[in-house]
């Protein structure tokens, strides 16, 4: 009982959108959780710095940002399929 259409363009776009949404959700949950646990409610003397950047900013914002850019490159150039949409009706 599969209610999805057999259109490969629809199936590919659904798969790609679910992967993008899952990546967004995982990165958001990680960033919010890490920054909350390591950045809030701590005295400034306990916060580690790396080249003047607080550790919670480096590992909670910058690192996921870089990893998301790498993921976006892979997603755009390797994962997304170029589907044939048929002939144009010009």
Protein backbone atom coordinates (compact mmCIF):
# COMPACT_ATOMS: atom_id res chain seq x y z
CA UNK A 1 0.00 0.00 0.00
CA UNK A 2 2.38 2.64 -1.27
CA UNK A 3 0.63 5.97 -1.89
CA UNK A 4 3.64 7.70 -3.45
CA UNK A 5 3.49 8.39 -7.18
CA UNK A 6 5.83 6.41 -9.43
CA UNK A 7 7.27 9.62 -10.85
CA UNK A 8 11.08 9.45 -10.38
CA UNK A 9 11.35 13.26 -10.24
CA UNK A 10 8.91 13.35 -7.31
CA UNK A 11 10.67 10.49 -5.52
CA UNK A 12 14.10 12.10 -5.94
CA UNK A 13 12.89 15.50 -4.79
CA UNK A 14 11.19 13.96 -1.76
CA UNK A 15 14.35 12.04 -0.84
CA UNK A 16 16.52 15.12 -1.29
CA UNK A 17 14.22 17.33 0.75
CA UNK A 18 14.07 14.81 3.61
CA UNK A 19 17.87 14.55 3.71
CA UNK A 20 18.22 18.35 3.72
CA UNK A 21 15.60 18.69 6.48
CA UNK A 22 17.27 15.97 8.57
CA UNK A 23 20.68 17.64 8.21
CA UNK A 24 19.22 21.01 9.21
CA UNK A 25 17.51 19.47 12.24
CA UNK A 26 20.60 17.56 13.45
CA UNK A 27 22.86 20.59 13.09
CA UNK A 28 20.35 22.84 14.84
CA UNK A 29 19.86 20.48 17.76
CA UNK A 30 23.62 19.99 18.12
CA UNK A 31 24.39 23.73 18.02
CA UNK A 32 21.66 24.76 20.43
CA UNK A 33 22.42 21.95 22.88
CA UNK A 34 26.20 22.40 22.80
CA UNK A 35 26.04 26.18 23.16
CA UNK A 36 23.52 25.94 25.99
CA UNK A 37 25.46 23.34 27.95
CA UNK A 38 28.89 24.92 27.45
CA UNK A 39 28.22 28.63 27.20
CA UNK A 40 25.40 29.60 29.53
CA UNK A 41 25.46 29.65 33.30
CA UNK A 42 29.23 29.30 33.55
CA UNK A 43 31.51 31.87 35.11
CA UNK A 44 33.74 33.60 32.54
CA UNK A 45 36.86 32.24 34.23
CA UNK A 46 35.86 28.64 33.40
CA UNK A 47 35.28 29.20 29.67
CA UNK A 48 38.21 28.05 27.54
CA UNK A 49 39.37 30.24 24.66
CA UNK A 50 41.11 29.27 21.43
CA UNK A 51 42.82 32.17 19.65
CA UNK A 52 40.54 34.52 21.58
CA UNK A 53 37.35 32.67 20.61
CA UNK A 54 35.33 31.07 23.41
CA UNK A 55 35.30 27.28 23.10
CA UNK A 56 31.53 27.07 23.04
CA UNK A 57 31.43 29.45 20.06
CA UNK A 58 34.18 27.59 18.22
CA UNK A 59 32.74 24.10 18.71
CA UNK A 60 29.07 25.05 18.91
CA UNK A 61 28.84 27.52 16.01
CA UNK A 62 31.95 27.67 13.80
CA UNK A 63 32.66 23.92 13.57
CA UNK A 64 29.05 22.97 12.67
CA UNK A 65 29.00 25.87 10.19
CA UNK A 66 32.10 24.51 8.44
CA UNK A 67 30.73 20.97 8.48
CA UNK A 68 27.40 22.18 7.07
CA UNK A 69 29.25 23.87 4.21
CA UNK A 70 31.10 20.62 3.45
CA UNK A 71 27.80 18.73 3.63
CA UNK A 72 26.12 21.28 1.35
CA UNK A 73 28.88 20.89 -1.24
CA UNK A 74 28.56 17.09 -1.15
CA UNK A 75 24.76 17.30 -1.19
CA UNK A 76 24.64 19.65 -4.18
CA UNK A 77 27.33 18.09 -6.33
CA UNK A 78 27.15 14.39 -5.45
CA UNK A 79 23.75 13.54 -3.95
CA UNK A 80 21.19 15.51 -5.96
CA UNK A 81 20.21 13.82 -9.20
CA UNK A 82 19.65 15.69 -12.44
CA UNK A 83 16.32 14.34 -13.66
CA UNK A 84 15.02 14.49 -17.21
CA UNK A 85 11.90 16.64 -17.23
CA UNK A 86 10.89 15.81 -20.79
CA UNK A 87 10.70 17.92 -23.91
CA UNK A 88 9.94 21.61 -23.74
CA UNK A 89 6.66 22.84 -25.29
CA UNK A 90 8.07 26.04 -26.79
